[in-house]
Amino acid sequence: MHEMGIVTHLADTLIDMAEENHIVKYGSVTLEIGEVSGIITDLFVDFWDYFKKKNSLLKDCEMKLETIPAVTFCESCKKEYPTVKYGRICPYCGSEKTWLITGNETIIKQVEAESEEEVRIREG
């Protein structure tokens, strides 16, 4: 269950960002998660919902997930193909000389946050 470790790392990253940028509240965080990253998204969101309650900075932070499709490149025929559908063997030439281009990464794409200054301006 590496989901809990990733959630913990994400929360630590957001807390560090808050300190550096004087953020007082997060509205949402959007993650791009690779299709073959091994992350179980339902479990990930459950861990996030549990973990965020323990930190006032994150308590209202919505988790948004987007999927990065898994794409494999064939060294033999120089073509790309969808990894999940065809696996490791190239559907064009049958070669096993392939490697994953995208689809196993996890990236923080976007963060919606409110800084101390924005609060002061809003509250006048």
PDB file of N, CA and C in Angstrom:
ATOM      1  N   MET A   1       0.838  -1.191   0.000  1.00  0.00           N
ATOM      2  CA  MET A   1       0.000   0.000   0.000  1.00  0.00           C
ATOM      3  C   MET A   1       0.877   1.247   0.000  1.00  0.00           C
ATOM      4  N   HIS A   2       1.342   1.619  -1.167  1.00  0.00           N
ATOM      5  CA  HIS A   2       2.157   2.821  -1.252  1.00  0.00           C
ATOM      6  C   HIS A   2       1.309   4.082  -1.333  1.00  0.00           C
ATOM      7  N   GLU A   3       0.001   3.937  -1.426  1.00  0.00           N
ATOM      8  CA  GLU A   3      -0.880   5.101  -1.476  1.00  0.00           C
ATOM      9  C   GLU A   3      -0.723   5.985  -0.241  1.00  0.00           C
ATOM     10  N   MET A   4      -0.640   5.391   0.935  1.00  0.00           N
ATOM     11  CA  MET A   4      -0.494   6.178   2.166  1.00  0.00           C
ATOM     12  C   MET A   4       0.819   6.961   2.147  1.00  0.00           C
ATOM     13  N   GLY A   5       1.883   6.350   1.677  1.00  0.00           N
ATOM     14  CA  GLY A   5       3.164   7.041   1.592  1.00  0.00           C
ATOM     15  C   GLY A   5       3.112   8.220   0.632  1.00  0.00           C
ATOM     16  N   ILE A   6       2.426   8.044  -0.476  1.00  0.00           N
ATOM     17  CA  ILE A   6       2.299   9.125  -1.454  1.00  0.00           C
ATOM     18  C   ILE A   6       1.436  10.250  -0.891  1.00  0.00           C
ATOM     19  N   VAL A   7       0.356   9.896  -0.213  1.00  0.00           N
ATOM     20  CA  VAL A   7      -0.500  10.905   0.419  1.00  0.00           C
ATOM     21  C   VAL A   7       0.294  11.698   1.457  1.00  0.00           C
ATOM     22  N   THR A   8       1.078  11.009   2.255  1.00  0.00           N
ATOM     23  CA  THR A   8       1.892  11.677   3.271  1.00  0.00           C
ATOM     24  C   THR A   8       2.904  12.619   2.616  1.00  0.00           C
ATOM     25  N   HIS A   9       3.550  12.145   1.563  1.00  0.00           N
ATOM     26  CA  HIS A   9       4.519  12.987   0.848  1.00  0.00           C
ATOM     27  C   HIS A   9       3.824  14.201   0.219  1.00  0.00           C
ATOM     28  N   LEU A  10       2.661  13.998  -0.376  1.00  0.00           N
ATOM     29  CA  LEU A  10       1.901  15.099  -0.972  1.00  0.00           C
ATOM     30  C   LEU A  10       1.538  16.129   0.086  1.00  0.00           C
ATOM     31  N   ALA A  11       1.041  15.675   1.221  1.00  0.00           N
ATOM     32  CA  ALA A  11       0.670  16.600   2.303  1.00  0.00           C
ATOM     33  C   ALA A  11       1.891  17.375   2.784  1.00  0.00           C
ATOM     34  N   ASP A  12       3.015  16.692   2.963  1.00  0.00           N
ATOM     35  CA  ASP A  12       4.245  17.375   3.379  1.00  0.00           C
ATOM     36  C   ASP A  12       4.664  18.418   2.354  1.00  0.00           C
ATOM     37  N   THR A  13       4.544  18.086   1.084  1.00  0.00           N
ATOM     38  CA  THR A  13       4.891  19.030   0.013  1.00  0.00           C
ATOM     39  C   THR A  13       3.988  20.260   0.064  1.00  0.00           C
ATOM     40  N   LEU A  14       2.683  20.057   0.242  1.00  0.00           N
ATOM     41  CA  LEU A  14       1.743  21.181   0.316  1.00  0.00           C
ATOM     42  C   LEU A  14       2.002  22.045   1.547  1.00  0.00           C
ATOM     43  N   ILE A  15       2.332  21.420   2.653  1.00  0.00           N
ATOM     44  CA  ILE A  15       2.639  22.177   3.873  1.00  0.00           C
ATOM     45  C   ILE A  15       3.905  23.008   3.679  1.00  0.00           C
ATOM     46  N   ASP A  16       4.918  22.433   3.049  1.00  0.00           N
ATOM     47  CA  ASP A  16       6.144  23.187   2.746  1.00  0.00           C
ATOM     48  C   ASP A  16       5.852  24.352   1.803  1.00  0.00           C
ATOM     49  N   MET A  17       5.027  24.099   0.789  1.00  0.00           N
ATOM     50  CA  MET A  17       4.647  25.167  -0.143  1.00  0.00           C
ATOM     51  C   MET A  17       3.914  26.283   0.583  1.00  0.00           C
ATOM     52  N   ALA A  18       3.084  25.916   1.532  1.00  0.00           N
ATOM     53  CA  ALA A  18       2.320  26.914   2.289  1.00  0.00           C
ATOM     54  C   ALA A  18       3.258  27.811   3.085  1.00  0.00           C
ATOM     55  N   GLU A  19       4.245  27.220   3.707  1.00  0.00           N
ATOM     56  CA  GLU A  19       5.205  28.007   4.481  1.00  0.00           C
ATOM     57  C   GLU A  19       5.989  28.951   3.580  1.00  0.00           C
ATOM     58  N   GLU A  20       6.427  28.467   2.434  1.00  0.00           N
ATOM     59  CA  GLU A  20       7.229  29.270   1.505  1.00  0.00           C
ATOM     60  C   GLU A  20       6.422  30.403   0.869  1.00  0.00           C
ATOM     61  N   ASN A  21       5.128  30.172   0.664  1.00  0.00           N
ATOM     62  CA  ASN A  21       4.291  31.119  -0.084  1.00  0.00           C
ATOM     63  C   ASN A  21       3.207  31.781   0.756  1.00  0.00           C
ATOM     64  N   HIS A  22       3.263  31.628   2.069  1.00  0.00           N
ATOM     65  CA  HIS A  22       2.310  32.243   2.993  1.00  0.00           C
ATOM     66  C   HIS A  22       0.870  31.846   2.675  1.00  0.00           C
ATOM     67  N   ILE A  23       0.677  30.571   2.359  1.00  0.00           N
ATOM     68  CA  ILE A  23      -0.650  30.042   2.056  1.00  0.00           C
ATOM     69  C   ILE A  23      -1.351  29.692   3.370  1.00  0.00           C
ATOM     70  N   VAL A  24      -2.620  30.106   3.469  1.00  0.00           N
ATOM     71  CA  VAL A  24      -3.382  29.826   4.683  1.00  0.00           C
ATOM     72  C   VAL A  24      -4.491  28.792   4.461  1.00  0.00           C
ATOM     73  N   LYS A  25      -4.784  28.502   3.189  1.00  0.00           N
ATOM     74  CA  LYS A  25      -5.859  27.564   2.891  1.00  0.00           C
ATOM     75  C   LYS A  25      -5.679  26.993   1.490  1.00  0.00           C
ATOM     76  N   TYR A  26      -5.938  25.702   1.380  1.00  0.00           N
ATOM     77  CA  TYR A  26      -5.951  25.049   0.067  1.00  0.00           C
ATOM     78  C   TYR A  26      -7.390  24.715  -0.298  1.00  0.00           C
ATOM     79  N   GLY A  27      -7.746  24.993  -1.554  1.00  0.00           N
ATOM     80  CA  GLY A  27      -9.076  24.667  -2.038  1.00  0.00           C
ATOM     81  C   GLY A  27      -9.096  23.320  -2.737  1.00  0.00           C
ATOM     82  N   SER A  28      -8.036  23.051  -3.509  1.00  0.00           N
ATOM     83  CA  SER A  28      -7.948  21.768  -4.197  1.00  0.00           C
ATOM     84  C   SER A  28      -6.520  21.524  -4.660  1.00  0.00           C
ATOM     85  N   VAL A  29      -6.263  20.263  -4.941  1.00  0.00           N
ATOM     86  CA  VAL A  29      -5.006  19.866  -5.568  1.00  0.00           C
ATOM     87  C   VAL A  29      -5.372  18.875  -6.666  1.00  0.00           C
ATOM     88  N   THR A  30      -4.806  19.105  -7.855  1.00  0.00           N
ATOM     89  CA  THR A  30      -5.059  18.224  -8.990  1.00  0.00           C
ATOM     90  C   THR A  30      -3.797  17.411  -9.256  1.00  0.00           C
ATOM     91  N   LEU A  31      -3.954  16.092  -9.240  1.00  0.00           N
ATOM     92  CA  LEU A  31      -2.839  15.199  -9.528  1.00  0.00           C
ATOM     93  C   LEU A  31      -3.083  14.492 -10.848  1.00  0.00           C
ATOM     94  N   GLU A  32      -2.009  14.335 -11.608  1.00  0.00           N
ATOM     95  CA  GLU A  32      -2.033  13.482 -12.785  1.00  0.00           C
ATOM     96  C   GLU A  32      -1.397  12.166 -12.353  1.00  0.00           C
ATOM     97  N   ILE A  33      -2.134  11.085 -12.542  1.00  0.00           N
ATOM     98  CA  ILE A  33      -1.657   9.776 -12.122  1.00  0.00           C
ATOM     99  C   ILE A  33      -1.601   8.856 -13.334  1.00  0.00           C
ATOM    100  N   GLY A  34      -0.434   8.267 -13.530  1.00  0.00           N
ATOM    101  CA  GLY A  34      -0.233   7.365 -14.654  1.00  0.00           C
ATOM    102  C   GLY A  34      -1.126   6.140 -14.585  1.00  0.00           C
ATOM    103  N   GLU A  35      -1.586   5.741 -15.733  1.00  0.00           N
ATOM    104  CA  GLU A  35      -2.505   4.613 -15.869  1.00  0.00           C
ATOM    105  C   GLU A  35      -1.908   3.302 -15.327  1.00  0.00           C
ATOM    106  N   VAL A  36      -0.580   3.169 -15.381  1.00  0.00           N
ATOM    107  CA  VAL A  36       0.065   1.960 -14.879  1.00  0.00           C
ATOM    108  C   VAL A  36       0.996   2.279 -13.702  1.00  0.00           C
ATOM    109  N   SER A  37       0.655   3.321 -12.957  1.00  0.00           N
ATOM    110  CA  SER A  37       1.471   3.734 -11.810  1.00  0.00           C
ATOM    111  C   SER A  37       1.350   2.769 -10.640  1.00  0.00           C
ATOM    112  N   GLY A  38       0.303   1.979 -10.634  1.00  0.00           N
ATOM    113  CA  GLY A  38       0.072   1.058  -9.530  1.00  0.00           C
ATOM    114  C   GLY A  38      -0.729   1.675  -8.399  1.00  0.00           C
ATOM    115  N   ILE A  39      -1.093   2.939  -8.543  1.00  0.00           N
ATOM    116  CA  ILE A  39      -1.871   3.611  -7.505  1.00  0.00           C
ATOM    117  C   ILE A  39      -3.346   3.224  -7.645  1.00  0.00           C
ATOM    118  N   ILE A  40      -3.912   2.773  -6.567  1.00  0.00           N
ATOM    119  CA  ILE A  40      -5.349   2.460  -6.526  1.00  0.00           C
ATOM    120  C   ILE A  40      -6.050   3.761  -6.144  1.00  0.00           C
ATOM    121  N   THR A  41      -6.666   4.408  -7.120  1.00  0.00           N
ATOM    122  CA  THR A  41      -7.163   5.771  -6.927  1.00  0.00           C
ATOM    123  C   THR A  41      -8.238   5.872  -5.842  1.00  0.00           C
ATOM    124  N   ASP A  42      -9.141   4.894  -5.745  1.00  0.00           N
ATOM    125  CA  ASP A  42     -10.173   4.945  -4.699  1.00  0.00           C
ATOM    126  C   ASP A  42      -9.533   4.905  -3.315  1.00  0.00           C
ATOM    127  N   LEU A  43      -8.556   4.049  -3.143  1.00  0.00           N
ATOM    128  CA  LEU A  43      -7.844   3.943  -1.877  1.00  0.00           C
ATOM    129  C   LEU A  43      -7.060   5.228  -1.595  1.00  0.00           C
ATOM    130  N   PHE A  44      -6.448   5.775  -2.639  1.00  0.00           N
ATOM    131  CA  PHE A  44      -5.685   7.013  -2.518  1.00  0.00           C
ATOM    132  C   PHE A  44      -6.571   8.150  -2.005  1.00  0.00           C
ATOM    133  N   VAL A  45      -7.751   8.295  -2.607  1.00  0.00           N
ATOM    134  CA  VAL A  45      -8.687   9.353  -2.201  1.00  0.00           C
ATOM    135  C   VAL A  45      -9.171   9.117  -0.779  1.00  0.00           C
ATOM    136  N   ASP A  46      -9.434   7.858  -0.428  1.00  0.00           N
ATOM    137  CA  ASP A  46      -9.849   7.558   0.948  1.00  0.00           C
ATOM    138  C   ASP A  46      -8.771   7.968   1.952  1.00  0.00           C
ATOM    139  N   PHE A  47      -7.513   7.647   1.647  1.00  0.00           N
ATOM    140  CA  PHE A  47      -6.404   8.050   2.523  1.00  0.00           C
ATOM    141  C   PHE A  47      -6.309   9.569   2.606  1.00  0.00           C
ATOM    142  N   TRP A  48      -6.477  10.234   1.459  1.00  0.00           N
ATOM    143  CA  TRP A  48      -6.416  11.701   1.444  1.00  0.00           C
ATOM    144  C   TRP A  48      -7.508  12.286   2.330  1.00  0.00           C
ATOM    145  N   ASP A  49      -8.732  11.787   2.167  1.00  0.00           N
ATOM    146  CA  ASP A  49      -9.854  12.309   2.953  1.00  0.00           C
ATOM    147  C   ASP A  49      -9.631  12.105   4.453  1.00  0.00           C
ATOM    148  N   TYR A  50      -9.022  10.994   4.829  1.00  0.00           N
ATOM    149  CA  TYR A  50      -8.697  10.742   6.231  1.00  0.00           C
ATOM    150  C   TYR A  50      -7.570  11.663   6.704  1.00  0.00           C
ATOM    151  N   PHE A  51      -6.513  11.749   5.914  1.00  0.00           N
ATOM    152  CA  PHE A  51      -5.317  12.484   6.313  1.00  0.00           C
ATOM    153  C   PHE A  51      -5.557  13.987   6.409  1.00  0.00           C
ATOM    154  N   LYS A  52      -6.320  14.534   5.469  1.00  0.00           N
ATOM    155  CA  LYS A  52      -6.503  15.991   5.426  1.00  0.00           C
ATOM    156  C   LYS A  52      -7.242  16.524   6.659  1.00  0.00           C
ATOM    157  N   LYS A  53      -8.055  15.696   7.294  1.00  0.00           N
ATOM    158  CA  LYS A  53      -8.786  16.114   8.490  1.00  0.00           C
ATOM    159  C   LYS A  53      -7.851  16.417   9.654  1.00  0.00           C
ATOM    160  N   LYS A  54      -6.632  15.902   9.588  1.00  0.00           N
ATOM    161  CA  LYS A  54      -5.672  16.068  10.678  1.00  0.00           C
ATOM    162  C   LYS A  54      -4.848  17.346  10.564  1.00  0.00           C
ATOM    163  N   ASN A  55      -5.087  18.135   9.499  1.00  0.00           N
ATOM    164  CA  ASN A  55      -4.315  19.355   9.295  1.00  0.00           C
ATOM    165  C   ASN A  55      -5.258  20.473   8.861  1.00  0.00           C
ATOM    166  N   SER A  56      -5.310  21.548   9.627  1.00  0.00           N
ATOM    167  CA  SER A  56      -6.247  22.644   9.342  1.00  0.00           C
ATOM    168  C   SER A  56      -5.999  23.285   7.984  1.00  0.00           C
ATOM    169  N   LEU A  57      -4.768  23.291   7.533  1.00  0.00           N
ATOM    170  CA  LEU A  57      -4.411  23.861   6.231  1.00  0.00           C
ATOM    171  C   LEU A  57      -5.025  23.059   5.079  1.00  0.00           C
ATOM    172  N   LEU A  58      -5.185  21.758   5.276  1.00  0.00           N
ATOM    173  CA  LEU A  58      -5.637  20.856   4.211  1.00  0.00           C
ATOM    174  C   LEU A  58      -7.088  20.407   4.351  1.00  0.00           C
ATOM    175  N   LYS A  59      -7.745  20.750   5.459  1.00  0.00           N
ATOM    176  CA  LYS A  59      -9.055  20.165   5.776  1.00  0.00           C
ATOM    177  C   LYS A  59     -10.116  20.375   4.705  1.00  0.00           C
ATOM    178  N   ASP A  60     -10.045  21.480   3.946  1.00  0.00           N
ATOM    179  CA  ASP A  60     -11.034  21.746   2.896  1.00  0.00           C
ATOM    180  C   ASP A  60     -10.488  21.476   1.499  1.00  0.00           C
ATOM    181  N   CYS A  61      -9.340  20.853   1.409  1.00  0.00           N
ATOM    182  CA  CYS A  61      -8.661  20.648   0.129  1.00  0.00           C
ATOM    183  C   CYS A  61      -9.231  19.433  -0.608  1.00  0.00           C
ATOM    184  N   GLU A  62      -9.844  19.701  -1.735  1.00  0.00           N
ATOM    185  CA  GLU A  62     -10.426  18.645  -2.560  1.00  0.00           C
ATOM    186  C   GLU A  62      -9.331  18.000  -3.417  1.00  0.00           C
ATOM    187  N   MET A  63      -9.389  16.689  -3.530  1.00  0.00           N
ATOM    188  CA  MET A  63      -8.449  15.953  -4.372  1.00  0.00           C
ATOM    189  C   MET A  63      -9.087  15.734  -5.741  1.00  0.00           C
ATOM    190  N   LYS A  64      -8.401  16.192  -6.791  1.00  0.00           N
ATOM    191  CA  LYS A  64      -8.868  15.964  -8.163  1.00  0.00           C
ATOM    192  C   LYS A  64      -7.818  15.104  -8.859  1.00  0.00           C
ATOM    193  N   LEU A  65      -8.276  14.057  -9.535  1.00  0.00           N
ATOM    194  CA  LEU A  65      -7.351  13.137 -10.191  1.00  0.00           C
ATOM    195  C   LEU A  65      -7.603  13.110 -11.692  1.00  0.00           C
ATOM    196  N   GLU A  66      -6.515  13.123 -12.442  1.00  0.00           N
ATOM    197  CA  GLU A  66      -6.567  12.975 -13.894  1.00  0.00           C
ATOM    198  C   GLU A  66      -5.638  11.838 -14.275  1.00  0.00           C
ATOM    199  N   THR A  67      -6.020  11.069 -15.279  1.00  0.00           N
ATOM    200  CA  THR A  67      -5.230   9.913 -15.684  1.00  0.00           C
ATOM    201  C   THR A  67      -4.312  10.261 -16.849  1.00  0.00           C
ATOM    202  N   ILE A  68      -3.052   9.845 -16.718  1.00  0.00           N
ATOM    203  CA  ILE A  68      -2.093   9.956 -17.813  1.00  0.00           C
ATOM    204  C   ILE A  68      -2.086   8.596 -18.512  1.00  0.00           C
ATOM    205  N   PRO A  69      -2.449   8.547 -19.790  1.00  0.00           N
ATOM    206  CA  PRO A  69      -2.480   7.264 -20.487  1.00  0.00           C
ATOM    207  C   PRO A  69      -1.080   6.638 -20.558  1.00  0.00           C
ATOM    208  N   ALA A  70      -1.051   5.309 -20.460  1.00  0.00           N
ATOM    209  CA  ALA A  70       0.210   4.586 -20.597  1.00  0.00           C
ATOM    210  C   ALA A  70       0.491   4.382 -22.084  1.00  0.00           C
ATOM    211  N   VAL A  71       1.678   4.826 -22.511  1.00  0.00           N
ATOM    212  CA  VAL A  71       2.092   4.708 -23.907  1.00  0.00           C
ATOM    213  C   VAL A  71       3.473   4.060 -23.944  1.00  0.00           C
ATOM    214  N   THR A  72       3.624   3.080 -24.826  1.00  0.00           N
ATOM    215  CA  THR A  72       4.891   2.368 -24.983  1.00  0.00           C
ATOM    216  C   THR A  72       5.469   2.654 -26.366  1.00  0.00           C
ATOM    217  N   PHE A  73       6.796   2.715 -26.424  1.00  0.00           N
ATOM    218  CA  PHE A  73       7.525   2.946 -27.681  1.00  0.00           C
ATOM    219  C   PHE A  73       8.249   1.665 -28.072  1.00  0.00           C
ATOM    220  N   CYS A  74       8.189   1.329 -29.349  1.00  0.00           N
ATOM    221  CA  CYS A  74       8.877   0.156 -29.868  1.00  0.00           C
ATOM    222  C   CYS A  74      10.175   0.598 -30.532  1.00  0.00           C
ATOM    223  N   GLU A  75      11.286   0.091 -30.033  1.00  0.00           N
ATOM    224  CA  GLU A  75      12.602   0.418 -30.589  1.00  0.00           C
ATOM    225  C   GLU A  75      12.757  -0.144 -32.004  1.00  0.00           C
ATOM    226  N   SER A  76      12.135  -1.276 -32.286  1.00  0.00           N
ATOM    227  CA  SER A  76      12.302  -1.927 -33.586  1.00  0.00           C
ATOM    228  C   SER A  76      11.610  -1.188 -34.731  1.00  0.00           C
ATOM    229  N   CYS A  77      10.339  -0.854 -34.547  1.00  0.00           N
ATOM    230  CA  CYS A  77       9.595  -0.211 -35.645  1.00  0.00           C
ATOM    231  C   CYS A  77       9.354   1.277 -35.417  1.00  0.00           C
ATOM    232  N   LYS A  78       9.803   1.782 -34.254  1.00  0.00           N
ATOM    233  CA  LYS A  78       9.722   3.216 -33.924  1.00  0.00           C
ATOM    234  C   LYS A  78       8.286   3.733 -33.811  1.00  0.00           C
ATOM    235  N   LYS A  79       7.356   2.862 -33.443  1.00  0.00           N
ATOM    236  CA  LYS A  79       5.966   3.279 -33.273  1.00  0.00           C
ATOM    237  C   LYS A  79       5.593   3.273 -31.794  1.00  0.00           C
ATOM    238  N   GLU A  80       4.579   4.051 -31.479  1.00  0.00           N
ATOM    239  CA  GLU A  80       4.013   4.096 -30.128  1.00  0.00           C
ATOM    240  C   GLU A  80       2.671   3.376 -30.137  1.00  0.00           C
ATOM    241  N   TYR A  81       2.335   2.824 -28.971  1.00  0.00           N
ATOM    242  CA  TYR A  81       1.044   2.133 -28.864  1.00  0.00           C
ATOM    243  C   TYR A  81       0.544   2.182 -27.422  1.00  0.00           C
ATOM    244  N   PRO A  82      -0.784   1.974 -27.212  1.00  0.00           N
ATOM    245  CA  PRO A  82      -1.349   1.984 -25.849  1.00  0.00           C
ATOM    246  C   PRO A  82      -0.895   0.752 -25.065  1.00  0.00           C
ATOM    247  N   THR A  83      -0.217   0.994 -23.974  1.00  0.00           N
ATOM    248  CA  THR A  83       0.384  -0.070 -23.167  1.00  0.00           C
ATOM    249  C   THR A  83      -0.640  -1.029 -22.587  1.00  0.00           C
ATOM    250  N   VAL A  84      -1.697  -0.492 -22.013  1.00  0.00           N
ATOM    251  CA  VAL A  84      -2.669  -1.343 -21.322  1.00  0.00           C
ATOM    252  C   VAL A  84      -3.319  -2.322 -22.298  1.00  0.00           C
ATOM    253  N   LYS A  85      -3.592  -1.880 -23.495  1.00  0.00           N
ATOM    254  CA  LYS A  85      -4.258  -2.739 -24.478  1.00  0.00           C
ATOM    255  C   LYS A  85      -3.337  -3.842 -25.005  1.00  0.00           C
ATOM    256  N   TYR A  86      -2.055  -3.503 -25.210  1.00  0.00           N
ATOM    257  CA  TYR A  86      -1.160  -4.455 -25.875  1.00  0.00           C
ATOM    258  C   TYR A  86      -0.027  -4.999 -25.016  1.00  0.00           C
ATOM    259  N   GLY A  87       0.230  -4.414 -23.876  1.00  0.00           N
ATOM    260  CA  GLY A  87       1.302  -4.914 -23.022  1.00  0.00           C
ATOM    261  C   GLY A  87       2.689  -4.582 -23.545  1.00  0.00           C
ATOM    262  N   ARG A  88       3.614  -5.477 -23.303  1.00  0.00           N
ATOM    263  CA  ARG A  88       5.021  -5.215 -23.604  1.00  0.00           C
ATOM    264  C   ARG A  88       5.398  -5.550 -25.049  1.00  0.00           C
ATOM    265  N   ILE A  89       4.619  -6.387 -25.720  1.00  0.00           N
ATOM    266  CA  ILE A  89       4.952  -6.806 -27.083  1.00  0.00           C
ATOM    267  C   ILE A  89       4.268  -5.879 -28.084  1.00  0.00           C
ATOM    268  N   CYS A  90       5.060  -5.321 -28.996  1.00  0.00           N
ATOM    269  CA  CYS A  90       4.560  -4.358 -29.985  1.00  0.00           C
ATOM    270  C   CYS A  90       3.503  -4.998 -30.873  1.00  0.00           C
ATOM    271  N   PRO A  91       2.331  -4.368 -30.983  1.00  0.00           N
ATOM    272  CA  PRO A  91       1.264  -4.923 -31.832  1.00  0.00           C
ATOM    273  C   PRO A  91       1.550  -4.751 -33.324  1.00  0.00           C
ATOM    274  N   TYR A  92       2.517  -3.900 -33.671  1.00  0.00           N
ATOM    275  CA  TYR A  92       2.822  -3.646 -35.075  1.00  0.00           C
ATOM    276  C   TYR A  92       3.831  -4.633 -35.642  1.00  0.00           C
ATOM    277  N   CYS A  93       4.883  -4.938 -34.858  1.00  0.00           N
ATOM    278  CA  CYS A  93       5.953  -5.786 -35.398  1.00  0.00           C
ATOM    279  C   CYS A  93       6.279  -7.002 -34.532  1.00  0.00           C
ATOM    280  N   GLY A  94       5.655  -7.100 -33.356  1.00  0.00           N
ATOM    281  CA  GLY A  94       5.881  -8.248 -32.491  1.00  0.00           C
ATOM    282  C   GLY A  94       7.156  -8.194 -31.670  1.00  0.00           C
ATOM    283  N   SER A  95       7.851  -7.091 -31.713  1.00  0.00           N
ATOM    284  CA  SER A  95       9.110  -6.941 -30.975  1.00  0.00           C
ATOM    285  C   SER A  95       8.862  -6.810 -29.475  1.00  0.00           C
ATOM    286  N   GLU A  96       9.837  -7.283 -28.697  1.00  0.00           N
ATOM    287  CA  GLU A  96       9.819  -7.081 -27.248  1.00  0.00           C
ATOM    288  C   GLU A  96      10.779  -5.968 -26.836  1.00  0.00           C
ATOM    289  N   LYS A  97      11.377  -5.305 -27.816  1.00  0.00           N
ATOM    290  CA  LYS A  97      12.287  -4.187 -27.536  1.00  0.00           C
ATOM    291  C   LYS A  97      11.458  -2.909 -27.395  1.00  0.00           C
ATOM    292  N   THR A  98      10.766  -2.836 -26.284  1.00  0.00           N
ATOM    293  CA  THR A  98       9.850  -1.721 -26.044  1.00  0.00           C
ATOM    294  C   THR A  98      10.116  -1.119 -24.678  1.00  0.00           C
ATOM    295  N   TRP A  99       9.686   0.133 -24.509  1.00  0.00           N
ATOM    296  CA  TRP A  99       9.758   0.744 -23.186  1.00  0.00           C
ATOM    297  C   TRP A  99       8.627   1.747 -23.005  1.00  0.00           C
ATOM    298  N   LEU A 100       8.285   1.919 -21.761  1.00  0.00           N
ATOM    299  CA  LEU A 100       7.190   2.801 -21.382  1.00  0.00           C
ATOM    300  C   LEU A 100       7.634   4.257 -21.529  1.00  0.00           C
ATOM    301  N   ILE A 101       6.848   5.046 -22.242  1.00  0.00           N
ATOM    302  CA  ILE A 101       7.138   6.483 -22.406  1.00  0.00           C
ATOM    303  C   ILE A 101       6.431   7.285 -21.323  1.00  0.00           C
ATOM    304  N   THR A 102       5.137   7.038 -21.169  1.00  0.00           N
ATOM    305  CA  THR A 102       4.339   7.721 -20.146  1.00  0.00           C
ATOM    306  C   THR A 102       3.384   6.719 -19.513  1.00  0.00           C
ATOM    307  N   GLY A 103       2.917   7.084 -18.330  1.00  0.00           N
ATOM    308  CA  GLY A 103       1.880   6.279 -17.710  1.00  0.00           C
ATOM    309  C   GLY A 103       2.211   5.723 -16.351  1.00  0.00           C
ATOM    310  N   ASN A 104       3.449   5.934 -15.859  1.00  0.00           N
ATOM    311  CA  ASN A 104       3.754   5.432 -14.518  1.00  0.00           C
ATOM    312  C   ASN A 104       4.098   6.552 -13.548  1.00  0.00           C
ATOM    313  N   GLU A 105       3.902   7.791 -13.958  1.00  0.00           N
ATOM    314  CA  GLU A 105       4.255   8.933 -13.124  1.00  0.00           C
ATOM    315  C   GLU A 105       3.076   9.449 -12.306  1.00  0.00           C
ATOM    316  N   THR A 106       3.415  10.241 -11.295  1.00  0.00           N
ATOM    317  CA  THR A 106       2.433  10.960 -10.490  1.00  0.00           C
ATOM    318  C   THR A 106       2.932  12.393 -10.374  1.00  0.00           C
ATOM    319  N   ILE A 107       2.125  13.351 -10.830  1.00  0.00           N
ATOM    320  CA  ILE A 107       2.553  14.747 -10.939  1.00  0.00           C
ATOM    321  C   ILE A 107       1.514  15.666 -10.300  1.00  0.00           C
ATOM    322  N   ILE A 108       1.990  16.616  -9.509  1.00  0.00           N
ATOM    323  CA  ILE A 108       1.090  17.668  -9.029  1.00  0.00           C
ATOM    324  C   ILE A 108       0.894  18.628 -10.203  1.00  0.00           C
ATOM    325  N   LYS A 109      -0.311  18.661 -10.734  1.00  0.00           N
ATOM    326  CA  LYS A 109      -0.604  19.490 -11.906  1.00  0.00           C
ATOM    327  C   LYS A 109      -1.004  20.905 -11.511  1.00  0.00           C
ATOM    328  N   GLN A 110      -1.868  21.009 -10.494  1.00  0.00           N
ATOM    329  CA  GLN A 110      -2.412  22.319 -10.141  1.00  0.00           C
ATOM    330  C   GLN A 110      -2.811  22.336  -8.676  1.00  0.00           C
ATOM    331  N   VAL A 111      -2.637  23.497  -8.069  1.00  0.00           N
ATOM    332  CA  VAL A 111      -3.033  23.698  -6.686  1.00  0.00           C
ATOM    333  C   VAL A 111      -3.835  24.989  -6.607  1.00  0.00           C
ATOM    334  N   GLU A 112      -4.992  24.935  -5.995  1.00  0.00           N
ATOM    335  CA  GLU A 112      -5.776  26.132  -5.718  1.00  0.00           C
ATOM    336  C   GLU A 112      -5.552  26.474  -4.258  1.00  0.00           C
ATOM    337  N   ALA A 113      -5.067  27.699  -4.028  1.00  0.00           N
ATOM    338  CA  ALA A 113      -4.710  28.085  -2.662  1.00  0.00           C
ATOM    339  C   ALA A 113      -5.026  29.552  -2.434  1.00  0.00           C
ATOM    340  N   GLU A 114      -5.077  29.895  -1.156  1.00  0.00           N
ATOM    341  CA  GLU A 114      -5.340  31.272  -0.755  1.00  0.00           C
ATOM    342  C   GLU A 114      -4.221  31.707   0.193  1.00  0.00           C
ATOM    343  N   SER A 115      -3.620  32.859  -0.131  1.00  0.00           N
ATOM    344  CA  SER A 115      -2.516  33.356   0.682  1.00  0.00           C
ATOM    345  C   SER A 115      -3.015  34.328   1.756  1.00  0.00           C
ATOM    346  N   GLU A 116      -2.129  34.641   2.701  1.00  0.00           N
ATOM    347  CA  GLU A 116      -2.462  35.607   3.752  1.00  0.00           C
ATOM    348  C   GLU A 116      -2.872  36.943   3.138  1.00  0.00           C
ATOM    349  N   GLU A 117      -2.158  37.375   2.109  1.00  0.00           N
ATOM    350  CA  GLU A 117      -2.443  38.658   1.470  1.00  0.00           C
ATOM    351  C   GLU A 117      -3.825  38.655   0.803  1.00  0.00           C
ATOM    352  N   GLU A 118      -4.180  37.545   0.148  1.00  0.00           N
ATOM    353  CA  GLU A 118      -5.489  37.457  -0.483  1.00  0.00           C
ATOM    354  C   GLU A 118      -6.603  37.523   0.561  1.00  0.00           C
ATOM    355  N   VAL A 119      -6.386  36.943   1.716  1.00  0.00           N
ATOM    356  CA  VAL A 119      -7.370  37.003   2.802  1.00  0.00           C
ATOM    357  C   VAL A 119      -7.519  38.439   3.277  1.00  0.00           C
ATOM    358  N   ARG A 120      -6.394  39.146   3.476  1.00  0.00           N
ATOM    359  CA  ARG A 120      -6.436  40.553   3.925  1.00  0.00           C
ATOM    360  C   ARG A 120      -7.185  41.421   2.930  1.00  0.00           C
ATOM    361  N   ILE A 121      -6.928  41.227   1.649  1.00  0.00           N
ATOM    362  CA  ILE A 121      -7.584  42.032   0.624  1.00  0.00           C
ATOM    363  C   ILE A 121      -9.091  41.734   0.610  1.00  0.00           C
ATOM    364  N   ARG A 122      -9.443  40.448   0.655  1.00  0.00           N
ATOM    365  CA  ARG A 122     -10.842  40.054   0.626  1.00  0.00           C
ATOM    366  C   ARG A 122     -11.605  40.568   1.842  1.00  0.00           C
ATOM    367  N   GLU A 123     -10.962  40.527   2.998  1.00  0.00           N
ATOM    368  CA  GLU A 123     -11.639  40.934   4.215  1.00  0.00           C
ATOM    369  C   GLU A 123     -11.560  42.440   4.448  1.00  0.00           C
ATOM    370  N   GLY A 124     -10.766  43.103   3.608  1.00  0.00           N
ATOM    371  CA  GLY A 124     -10.690  44.562   3.627  1.00  0.00           C
ATOM    372  C   GLY A 124     -10.083  45.133   4.823  1.00  0.00           C
TER     373      GLY A 124
END
